[in-house]
C-alpha cells in the first residue's frame, strides 16, 4: 500500500479577511436589528399613549360642548332673563343663514 500524502490546507490572508468581515457584518447586522426593534417598540408605546390622550381630550371636549349647549339653550336663557326682570321680545331676534 501506498501512503497518501495529505496536503495541508492553508488559509490565505484574503480568505481570513473575508471570514473576519463576514462574521463582523453578521454581528453588526444582529446588533442593528435589536436596536431598531427596541426603537420601534418604544415608538409604538408612544403612539398608543398619544392615542389614549387624544381620546381623553375628545371626551372632555364633548362634555364641555354638551355643557355649553345646555347653558345656551333657549329655556335656560329665558329663565335667566326672567330672573333679571327683563322681557322677551321676539322682534329683536334676527336669524342669519349662511
PDB file of N, CA and C in Angstrom:
ATOM      1  N   UNK A   1       0.818  -1.168   0.000  1.00  0.00           N
ATOM      2  CA  UNK A   1       0.000   0.000   0.000  1.00  0.00           C
ATOM      3  C   UNK A   1       0.862   1.231   0.000  1.00  0.00           C
ATOM      4  N   UNK A   2       0.304   2.119  -0.696  1.00  0.00           N
ATOM      5  CA  UNK A   2       1.000   3.380  -0.835  1.00  0.00           C
ATOM      6  C   UNK A   2       0.497   4.379   0.176  1.00  0.00           C
ATOM      7  N   UNK A   3       1.359   5.122   0.724  1.00  0.00           N
ATOM      8  CA  UNK A   3       0.963   6.166   1.647  1.00  0.00           C
ATOM      9  C   UNK A   3       0.488   7.379   0.854  1.00  0.00           C
ATOM     10  N   UNK A   4      -0.655   7.842   1.249  1.00  0.00           N
ATOM     11  CA  UNK A   4      -1.194   9.029   0.587  1.00  0.00           C
ATOM     12  C   UNK A   4      -0.765  10.240   1.386  1.00  0.00           C
ATOM     13  N   UNK A   5      -0.140  11.136   0.685  1.00  0.00           N
ATOM     14  CA  UNK A   5       0.285  12.355   1.357  1.00  0.00           C
ATOM     15  C   UNK A   5      -0.898  13.315   1.416  1.00  0.00           C
ATOM     16  N   UNK A   6      -1.107  13.791   2.569  1.00  0.00           N
ATOM     17  CA  UNK A   6      -2.193  14.754   2.734  1.00  0.00           C
ATOM     18  C   UNK A   6      -1.612  16.153   2.614  1.00  0.00           C
ATOM     19  N   UNK A   7      -2.295  16.908   1.828  1.00  0.00           N
ATOM     20  CA  UNK A   7      -1.862  18.299   1.693  1.00  0.00           C
ATOM     21  C   UNK A   7      -2.461  19.114   2.808  1.00  0.00           C
ATOM     22  N   UNK A   8      -1.661  19.941   3.296  1.00  0.00           N
ATOM     23  CA  UNK A   8      -2.117  20.828   4.347  1.00  0.00           C
ATOM     24  C   UNK A   8      -2.848  21.996   3.690  1.00  0.00           C
ATOM     25  N   UNK A   9      -4.067  22.241   4.148  1.00  0.00           N
ATOM     26  CA  UNK A   9      -4.850  23.321   3.571  1.00  0.00           C
ATOM     27  C   UNK A   9      -4.463  24.604   4.277  1.00  0.00           C
ATOM     28  N   UNK A  10      -4.036  25.534   3.503  1.00  0.00           N
ATOM     29  CA  UNK A  10      -3.652  26.818   4.071  1.00  0.00           C
ATOM     30  C   UNK A  10      -4.699  27.857   3.725  1.00  0.00           C
ATOM     31  N   UNK A  11      -4.990  28.672   4.713  1.00  0.00           N
ATOM     32  CA  UNK A  11      -5.945  29.762   4.504  1.00  0.00           C
ATOM     33  C   UNK A  11      -5.133  31.017   4.233  1.00  0.00           C
ATOM     34  N   UNK A  12      -5.447  31.629   3.126  1.00  0.00           N
ATOM     35  CA  UNK A  12      -4.686  32.815   2.748  1.00  0.00           C
ATOM     36  C   UNK A  12      -5.148  34.018   3.566  1.00  0.00           C
ATOM     37  N   UNK A  13      -4.374  35.089   3.475  1.00  0.00           N
ATOM     38  CA  UNK A  13      -4.722  36.302   4.199  1.00  0.00           C
ATOM     39  C   UNK A  13      -6.035  36.880   3.685  1.00  0.00           C
ATOM     40  N   UNK A  14      -6.263  36.803   2.410  1.00  0.00           N
ATOM     41  CA  UNK A  14      -7.510  37.307   1.821  1.00  0.00           C
ATOM     42  C   UNK A  14      -8.717  36.540   2.338  1.00  0.00           C
ATOM     43  N   UNK A  15      -8.592  35.218   2.443  1.00  0.00           N
ATOM     44  CA  UNK A  15      -9.691  34.414   2.969  1.00  0.00           C
ATOM     45  C   UNK A  15      -9.944  34.718   4.437  1.00  0.00           C
ATOM     46  N   UNK A  16      -8.851  34.889   5.199  1.00  0.00           N
ATOM     47  CA  UNK A  16      -9.010  35.256   6.605  1.00  0.00           C
ATOM     48  C   UNK A  16      -9.766  36.575   6.732  1.00  0.00           C
ATOM     49  N   UNK A  17      -9.400  37.531   5.880  1.00  0.00           N
ATOM     50  CA  UNK A  17     -10.051  38.834   5.917  1.00  0.00           C
ATOM     51  C   UNK A  17     -11.529  38.700   5.539  1.00  0.00           C
ATOM     52  N   UNK A  18     -11.830  37.887   4.547  1.00  0.00           N
ATOM     53  CA  UNK A  18     -13.226  37.673   4.152  1.00  0.00           C
ATOM     54  C   UNK A  18     -14.040  37.028   5.274  1.00  0.00           C
ATOM     55  N   UNK A  19     -13.468  36.020   5.928  1.00  0.00           N
ATOM     56  CA  UNK A  19     -14.165  35.375   7.044  1.00  0.00           C
ATOM     57  C   UNK A  19     -14.397  36.372   8.187  1.00  0.00           C
ATOM     58  N   UNK A  20     -13.352  37.165   8.487  1.00  0.00           N
ATOM     59  CA  UNK A  20     -13.473  38.152   9.549  1.00  0.00           C
ATOM     60  C   UNK A  20     -14.545  39.181   9.212  1.00  0.00           C
ATOM     61  N   UNK A  21     -14.527  39.699   7.996  1.00  0.00           N
ATOM     62  CA  UNK A  21     -15.529  40.687   7.583  1.00  0.00           C
ATOM     63  C   UNK A  21     -16.943  40.093   7.576  1.00  0.00           C
ATOM     64  N   UNK A  22     -17.058  38.853   7.158  1.00  0.00           N
ATOM     65  CA  UNK A  22     -18.363  38.187   7.164  1.00  0.00           C
ATOM     66  C   UNK A  22     -18.910  38.040   8.571  1.00  0.00           C
ATOM     67  N   UNK A  23     -18.067  37.585   9.491  1.00  0.00           N
ATOM     68  CA  UNK A  23     -18.502  37.415  10.879  1.00  0.00           C
ATOM     69  C   UNK A  23     -18.825  38.763  11.511  1.00  0.00           C
ATOM     70  N   UNK A  24     -18.005  39.779  11.219  1.00  0.00           N
ATOM     71  CA  UNK A  24     -18.248  41.113  11.764  1.00  0.00           C
ATOM     72  C   UNK A  24     -19.552  41.689  11.234  1.00  0.00           C
ATOM     73  N   UNK A  25     -19.780  41.555   9.941  1.00  0.00           N
ATOM     74  CA  UNK A  25     -21.015  42.098   9.371  1.00  0.00           C
ATOM     75  C   UNK A  25     -22.245  41.353   9.901  1.00  0.00           C
ATOM     76  N   UNK A  26     -22.136  40.067  10.142  1.00  0.00           N
ATOM     77  CA  UNK A  26     -23.243  39.308  10.723  1.00  0.00           C
ATOM     78  C   UNK A  26     -23.551  39.815  12.138  1.00  0.00           C
ATOM     79  N   UNK A  27     -22.494  40.019  12.924  1.00  0.00           N
ATOM     80  CA  UNK A  27     -22.692  40.505  14.294  1.00  0.00           C
ATOM     81  C   UNK A  27     -23.297  41.912  14.283  1.00  0.00           C
ATOM     82  N   UNK A  28     -22.791  42.779  13.426  1.00  0.00           N
ATOM     83  CA  UNK A  28     -23.320  44.142  13.347  1.00  0.00           C
ATOM     84  C   UNK A  28     -24.778  44.150  12.883  1.00  0.00           C
ATOM     85  N   UNK A  29     -25.112  43.281  11.956  1.00  0.00           N
ATOM     86  CA  UNK A  29     -26.496  43.192  11.481  1.00  0.00           C
ATOM     87  C   UNK A  29     -27.421  42.794  12.618  1.00  0.00           C
ATOM     88  N   UNK A  30     -27.022  41.824  13.417  1.00  0.00           N
ATOM     89  CA  UNK A  30     -27.846  41.401  14.551  1.00  0.00           C
ATOM     90  C   UNK A  30     -28.008  42.529  15.566  1.00  0.00           C
ATOM     91  N   UNK A  31     -26.923  43.245  15.840  1.00  0.00           N
ATOM     92  CA  UNK A  31     -26.982  44.355  16.802  1.00  0.00           C
ATOM     93  C   UNK A  31     -27.909  45.449  16.295  1.00  0.00           C
ATOM     94  N   UNK A  32     -27.791  45.796  15.021  1.00  0.00           N
ATOM     95  CA  UNK A  32     -28.651  46.841  14.442  1.00  0.00           C
ATOM     96  C   UNK A  32     -30.116  46.411  14.491  1.00  0.00           C
ATOM     97  N   UNK A  33     -30.405  45.155  14.202  1.00  0.00           N
ATOM     98  CA  UNK A  33     -31.790  44.667  14.255  1.00  0.00           C
ATOM     99  C   UNK A  33     -32.344  44.756  15.676  1.00  0.00           C
ATOM    100  N   UNK A  34     -31.544  44.450  16.663  1.00  0.00           N
ATOM    101  CA  UNK A  34     -32.001  44.512  18.055  1.00  0.00           C
ATOM    102  C   UNK A  34     -32.315  45.951  18.433  1.00  0.00           C
ATOM    103  N   UNK A  35     -31.431  46.883  18.099  1.00  0.00           N
ATOM    104  CA  UNK A  35     -31.663  48.283  18.458  1.00  0.00           C
ATOM    105  C   UNK A  35     -32.840  48.865  17.690  1.00  0.00           C
ATOM    106  N   UNK A  36     -32.978  48.523  16.428  1.00  0.00           N
ATOM    107  CA  UNK A  36     -34.112  49.030  15.638  1.00  0.00           C
ATOM    108  C   UNK A  36     -35.435  48.463  16.164  1.00  0.00           C
ATOM    109  N   UNK A  37     -35.426  47.221  16.564  1.00  0.00           N
ATOM    110  CA  UNK A  37     -36.631  46.621  17.134  1.00  0.00           C
ATOM    111  C   UNK A  37     -37.023  47.280  18.438  1.00  0.00           C
ATOM    112  N   UNK A  38     -36.038  47.571  19.273  1.00  0.00           N
ATOM    113  CA  UNK A  38     -36.323  48.249  20.539  1.00  0.00           C
ATOM    114  C   UNK A  38     -36.849  49.654  20.282  1.00  0.00           C
ATOM    115  N   UNK A  39     -36.281  50.333  19.310  1.00  0.00           N
ATOM    116  CA  UNK A  39     -36.721  51.681  18.973  1.00  0.00           C
ATOM    117  C   UNK A  39     -38.150  51.659  18.429  1.00  0.00           C
ATOM    118  N   UNK A  40     -38.464  50.693  17.585  1.00  0.00           N
ATOM    119  CA  UNK A  40     -39.822  50.577  17.048  1.00  0.00           C
ATOM    120  C   UNK A  40     -40.817  50.289  18.165  1.00  0.00           C
ATOM    121  N   UNK A  41     -40.453  49.452  19.102  1.00  0.00           N
ATOM    122  CA  UNK A  41     -41.327  49.164  20.242  1.00  0.00           C
ATOM    123  C   UNK A  41     -41.576  50.405  21.080  1.00  0.00           C
ATOM    124  N   UNK A  42     -40.547  51.183  21.292  1.00  0.00           N
ATOM    125  CA  UNK A  42     -40.686  52.427  22.049  1.00  0.00           C
ATOM    126  C   UNK A  42     -41.613  53.399  21.320  1.00  0.00           C
ATOM    127  N   UNK A  43     -41.452  53.503  20.018  1.00  0.00           N
ATOM    128  CA  UNK A  43     -42.315  54.392  19.235  1.00  0.00           C
ATOM    129  C   UNK A  43     -43.767  53.925  19.276  1.00  0.00           C
ATOM    130  N   UNK A  44     -43.983  52.618  19.234  1.00  0.00           N
ATOM    131  CA  UNK A  44     -45.345  52.091  19.306  1.00  0.00           C
ATOM    132  C   UNK A  44     -45.999  52.437  20.643  1.00  0.00           C
ATOM    133  N   UNK A  45     -45.223  52.358  21.728  1.00  0.00           N
ATOM    134  CA  UNK A  45     -45.766  52.730  23.037  1.00  0.00           C
ATOM    135  C   UNK A  45     -46.136  54.207  23.075  1.00  0.00           C
ATOM    136  N   UNK A  46     -45.296  55.056  22.491  1.00  0.00           N
ATOM    137  CA  UNK A  46     -45.592  56.487  22.456  1.00  0.00           C
ATOM    138  C   UNK A  46     -46.843  56.776  21.637  1.00  0.00           C
ATOM    139  N   UNK A  47     -46.998  56.075  20.520  1.00  0.00           N
ATOM    140  CA  UNK A  47     -48.180  56.266  19.676  1.00  0.00           C
ATOM    141  C   UNK A  47     -49.448  55.869  20.432  1.00  0.00           C
ATOM    142  N   UNK A  48     -49.407  54.751  21.126  1.00  0.00           N
ATOM    143  CA  UNK A  48     -50.570  54.305  21.886  1.00  0.00           C
ATOM    144  C   UNK A  48     -50.905  55.283  23.004  1.00  0.00           C
ATOM    145  N   UNK A  49     -49.885  55.838  23.662  1.00  0.00           N
ATOM    146  CA  UNK A  49     -50.123  56.815  24.721  1.00  0.00           C
ATOM    147  C   UNK A  49     -50.762  58.074  24.147  1.00  0.00           C
ATOM    148  N   UNK A  50     -50.272  58.522  22.995  1.00  0.00           N
ATOM    149  CA  UNK A  50     -50.852  59.705  22.358  1.00  0.00           C
ATOM    150  C   UNK A  50     -52.301  59.453  21.925  1.00  0.00           C
ATOM    151  N   UNK A  51     -52.583  58.265  21.422  1.00  0.00           N
ATOM    152  CA  UNK A  51     -53.968  57.932  21.050  1.00  0.00           C
ATOM    153  C   UNK A  51     -54.873  57.981  22.272  1.00  0.00           C
ATOM    154  N   UNK A  52     -54.380  57.460  23.385  1.00  0.00           N
ATOM    155  CA  UNK A  52     -55.154  57.490  24.622  1.00  0.00           C
ATOM    156  C   UNK A  52     -55.401  58.924  25.068  1.00  0.00           C
ATOM    157  N   UNK A  53     -54.357  59.762  24.998  1.00  0.00           N
ATOM    158  CA  UNK A  53     -54.506  61.176  25.376  1.00  0.00           C
ATOM    159  C   UNK A  53     -55.501  61.883  24.468  1.00  0.00           C
ATOM    160  N   UNK A  54     -55.472  61.576  23.177  1.00  0.00           N
ATOM    161  CA  UNK A  54     -56.407  62.192  22.229  1.00  0.00           C
ATOM    162  C   UNK A  54     -57.837  61.772  22.545  1.00  0.00           C
ATOM    163  N   UNK A  55     -58.028  60.492  22.861  1.00  0.00           N
ATOM    164  CA  UNK A  55     -59.374  60.015  23.212  1.00  0.00           C
ATOM    165  C   UNK A  55     -59.886  60.697  24.476  1.00  0.00           C
ATOM    166  N   UNK A  56     -59.008  60.845  25.478  1.00  0.00           N
ATOM    167  CA  UNK A  56     -59.405  61.523  26.717  1.00  0.00           C
ATOM    168  C   UNK A  56     -59.787  62.977  26.441  1.00  0.00           C
ATOM    169  N   UNK A  57     -58.988  63.659  25.623  1.00  0.00           N
ATOM    170  CA  UNK A  57     -59.283  65.059  25.318  1.00  0.00           C
ATOM    171  C   UNK A  57     -60.571  65.184  24.506  1.00  0.00           C
ATOM    172  N   UNK A  58     -60.826  64.245  23.609  1.00  0.00           N
ATOM    173  CA  UNK A  58     -62.056  64.256  22.821  1.00  0.00           C
ATOM    174  C   UNK A  58     -63.270  64.108  23.730  1.00  0.00           C
ATOM    175  N   UNK A  59     -63.172  63.222  24.713  1.00  0.00           N
ATOM    176  CA  UNK A  59     -64.273  63.047  25.666  1.00  0.00           C
ATOM    177  C   UNK A  59     -64.506  64.319  26.473  1.00  0.00           C
ATOM    178  N   UNK A  60     -63.415  64.969  26.898  1.00  0.00           N
ATOM    179  CA  UNK A  60     -63.550  66.226  27.644  1.00  0.00           C
ATOM    180  C   UNK A  60     -64.200  67.294  26.772  1.00  0.00           C
ATOM    181  N   UNK A  61     -63.790  67.368  25.507  1.00  0.00           N
ATOM    182  CA  UNK A  61     -64.365  68.357  24.593  1.00  0.00           C
ATOM    183  C   UNK A  61     -65.856  68.121  24.388  1.00  0.00           C
ATOM    184  N   UNK A  62     -66.247  66.860  24.232  1.00  0.00           N
ATOM    185  CA  UNK A  62     -67.666  66.541  24.061  1.00  0.00           C
ATOM    186  C   UNK A  62     -68.458  66.930  25.305  1.00  0.00           C
ATOM    187  N   UNK A  63     -67.886  66.652  26.469  1.00  0.00           N
ATOM    188  CA  UNK A  63     -68.556  67.001  27.723  1.00  0.00           C
ATOM    189  C   UNK A  63     -68.738  68.510  27.827  1.00  0.00           C
ATOM    190  N   UNK A  64     -67.691  69.261  27.511  1.00  0.00           N
ATOM    191  CA  UNK A  64     -67.782  70.721  27.573  1.00  0.00           C
ATOM    192  C   UNK A  64     -68.760  71.268  26.535  1.00  0.00           C
ATOM    193  N   UNK A  65     -68.811  70.664  25.368  1.00  0.00           N
ATOM    194  CA  UNK A  65     -69.757  71.087  24.333  1.00  0.00           C
ATOM    195  C   UNK A  65     -71.189  70.869  24.812  1.00  0.00           C
ATOM    196  N   UNK A  66     -71.423  69.738  25.465  1.00  0.00           N
ATOM    197  CA  UNK A  66     -72.764  69.468  25.988  1.00  0.00           C
ATOM    198  C   UNK A  66     -73.130  70.499  27.061  1.00  0.00           C
ATOM    199  N   UNK A  67     -72.178  70.872  27.925  1.00  0.00           N
ATOM    200  CA  UNK A  67     -72.447  71.871  28.954  1.00  0.00           C
ATOM    201  C   UNK A  67     -72.750  73.230  28.337  1.00  0.00           C
ATOM    202  N   UNK A  68     -71.994  73.606  27.306  1.00  0.00           N
ATOM    203  CA  UNK A  68     -72.234  74.882  26.624  1.00  0.00           C
ATOM    204  C   UNK A  68     -73.615  74.875  25.984  1.00  0.00           C
ATOM    205  N   UNK A  69     -73.950  73.784  25.329  1.00  0.00           N
ATOM    206  CA  UNK A  69     -75.279  73.689  24.693  1.00  0.00           C
ATOM    207  C   UNK A  69     -76.390  73.769  25.735  1.00  0.00           C
ATOM    208  N   UNK A  70     -76.151  73.152  26.876  1.00  0.00           N
ATOM    209  CA  UNK A  70     -77.151  73.187  27.947  1.00  0.00           C
ATOM    210  C   UNK A  70     -77.311  74.607  28.487  1.00  0.00           C
ATOM    211  N   UNK A  71     -76.181  75.291  28.698  1.00  0.00           N
ATOM    212  CA  UNK A  71     -76.242  76.643  29.263  1.00  0.00           C
ATOM    213  C   UNK A  71     -76.749  77.676  28.264  1.00  0.00           C
ATOM    214  N   UNK A  72     -76.612  77.431  26.999  1.00  0.00           N
ATOM    215  CA  UNK A  72     -77.075  78.388  25.994  1.00  0.00           C
ATOM    216  C   UNK A  72     -78.414  78.008  25.388  1.00  0.00           C
ATOM    217  N   UNK A  73     -79.058  77.009  25.957  1.00  0.00           N
ATOM    218  CA  UNK A  73     -80.369  76.629  25.439  1.00  0.00           C
ATOM    219  C   UNK A  73     -81.381  77.743  25.690  1.00  0.00           C
ATOM    220  N   UNK A  74     -82.406  77.772  24.865  1.00  0.00           N
ATOM    221  CA  UNK A  74     -83.399  78.833  24.938  1.00  0.00           C
ATOM    222  C   UNK A  74     -84.084  78.867  26.303  1.00  0.00           C
ATOM    223  N   UNK A  75     -84.436  77.724  26.841  1.00  0.00           N
ATOM    224  CA  UNK A  75     -85.121  77.669  28.138  1.00  0.00           C
ATOM    225  C   UNK A  75     -84.249  78.245  29.248  1.00  0.00           C
ATOM    226  N   UNK A  76     -82.975  77.928  29.237  1.00  0.00           N
ATOM    227  CA  UNK A  76     -82.054  78.419  30.265  1.00  0.00           C
ATOM    228  C   UNK A  76     -81.904  79.943  30.160  1.00  0.00           C
ATOM    229  N   UNK A  77     -81.736  80.425  28.925  1.00  0.00           N
ATOM    230  CA  UNK A  77     -81.603  81.872  28.721  1.00  0.00           C
ATOM    231  C   UNK A  77     -82.886  82.572  29.133  1.00  0.00           C
ATOM    232  N   UNK A  78     -84.033  81.988  28.813  1.00  0.00           N
ATOM    233  CA  UNK A  78     -85.321  82.584  29.164  1.00  0.00           C
ATOM    234  C   UNK A  78     -85.478  82.666  30.683  1.00  0.00           C
ATOM    235  N   UNK A  79     -85.067  81.611  31.390  1.00  0.00           N
ATOM    236  CA  UNK A  79     -85.138  81.630  32.853  1.00  0.00           C
ATOM    237  C   UNK A  79     -84.253  82.729  33.430  1.00  0.00           C
ATOM    238  N   UNK A  80     -83.048  82.880  32.903  1.00  0.00           N
ATOM    239  CA  UNK A  80     -82.126  83.904  33.402  1.00  0.00           C
ATOM    240  C   UNK A  80     -82.679  85.301  33.103  1.00  0.00           C
ATOM    241  N   UNK A  81     -83.251  85.479  31.932  1.00  0.00           N
ATOM    242  CA  UNK A  81     -83.832  86.780  31.558  1.00  0.00           C
ATOM    243  C   UNK A  81     -84.991  87.117  32.492  1.00  0.00           C
ATOM    244  N   UNK A  82     -85.840  86.154  32.775  1.00  0.00           N
ATOM    245  CA  UNK A  82     -86.964  86.387  33.685  1.00  0.00           C
ATOM    246  C   UNK A  82     -86.478  86.695  35.097  1.00  0.00           C
ATOM    247  N   UNK A  83     -85.412  85.999  35.534  1.00  0.00           N
ATOM    248  CA  UNK A  83     -84.854  86.265  36.862  1.00  0.00           C
ATOM    249  C   UNK A  83     -84.295  87.692  36.967  1.00  0.00           C
ATOM    250  N   UNK A  84     -83.792  88.202  35.853  1.00  0.00           N
ATOM    251  CA  UNK A  84     -83.228  89.553  35.847  1.00  0.00           C
ATOM    252  C   UNK A  84     -84.301  90.630  35.648  1.00  0.00           C
ATOM    253  N   UNK A  85     -85.536  90.191  35.435  1.00  0.00           N
ATOM    254  CA  UNK A  85     -86.627  91.150  35.277  1.00  0.00           C
ATOM    255  C   UNK A  85     -86.737  91.710  33.876  1.00  0.00           C
ATOM    256  N   UNK A  86     -86.143  91.054  32.926  1.00  0.00           N
ATOM    257  CA  UNK A  86     -86.223  91.513  31.538  1.00  0.00           C
ATOM    258  C   UNK A  86     -87.355  90.795  30.823  1.00  0.00           C
ATOM    259  N   UNK A  87     -87.757  91.333  29.684  1.00  0.00           N
ATOM    260  CA  UNK A  87     -88.848  90.731  28.913  1.00  0.00           C
ATOM    261  C   UNK A  87     -88.293  90.174  27.613  1.00  0.00           C
ATOM    262  N   UNK A  88     -88.925  89.134  27.139  1.00  0.00           N
ATOM    263  CA  UNK A  88     -88.542  88.506  25.884  1.00  0.00           C
ATOM    264  C   UNK A  88     -89.246  89.240  24.756  1.00  0.00           C
ATOM    265  N   UNK A  89     -88.462  89.732  23.769  1.00  0.00           N
ATOM    266  CA  UNK A  89     -89.021  90.453  22.642  1.00  0.00           C
ATOM    267  C   UNK A  89     -88.618  89.715  21.370  1.00  0.00           C
ATOM    268  N   UNK A  90     -89.557  89.053  20.757  1.00  0.00           N
ATOM    269  CA  UNK A  90     -89.298  88.234  19.574  1.00  0.00           C
ATOM    270  C   UNK A  90     -88.913  89.079  18.383  1.00  0.00           C
ATOM    271  N   UNK A  91     -89.285  90.357  18.348  1.00  0.00           N
ATOM    272  CA  UNK A  91     -88.998  91.219  17.213  1.00  0.00           C
ATOM    273  C   UNK A  91     -87.508  91.576  17.116  1.00  0.00           C
ATOM    274  N   UNK A  92     -86.772  91.457  18.213  1.00  0.00           N
ATOM    275  CA  UNK A  92     -85.343  91.796  18.211  1.00  0.00           C
ATOM    276  C   UNK A  92     -84.459  90.644  17.733  1.00  0.00           C
ATOM    277  N   UNK A  93     -85.033  89.480  17.479  1.00  0.00           N
ATOM    278  CA  UNK A  93     -84.247  88.312  17.079  1.00  0.00           C
ATOM    279  C   UNK A  93     -84.080  88.350  15.570  1.00  0.00           C
ATOM    280  N   UNK A  94     -82.838  88.260  15.129  1.00  0.00           N
ATOM    281  CA  UNK A  94     -82.521  88.246  13.695  1.00  0.00           C
ATOM    282  C   UNK A  94     -81.851  86.916  13.397  1.00  0.00           C
ATOM    283  N   UNK A  95     -82.380  86.206  12.407  1.00  0.00           N
ATOM    284  CA  UNK A  95     -81.823  84.918  12.012  1.00  0.00           C
ATOM    285  C   UNK A  95     -80.963  85.128  10.779  1.00  0.00           C
ATOM    286  N   UNK A  96     -79.732  84.675  10.847  1.00  0.00           N
ATOM    287  CA  UNK A  96     -78.811  84.820   9.730  1.00  0.00           C
ATOM    288  C   UNK A  96     -78.504  83.429   9.204  1.00  0.00           C
ATOM    289  N   UNK A  97     -78.778  83.204   7.931  1.00  0.00           N
ATOM    290  CA  UNK A  97     -78.477  81.922   7.288  1.00  0.00           C
ATOM    291  C   UNK A  97     -77.192  82.087   6.489  1.00  0.00           C
ATOM    292  N   UNK A  98     -76.335  81.129   6.607  1.00  0.00           N
ATOM    293  CA  UNK A  98     -75.063  81.217   5.886  1.00  0.00           C
ATOM    294  C   UNK A  98     -75.136  80.514   4.566  1.00  0.00           C
TER     295      UNK A  98
END
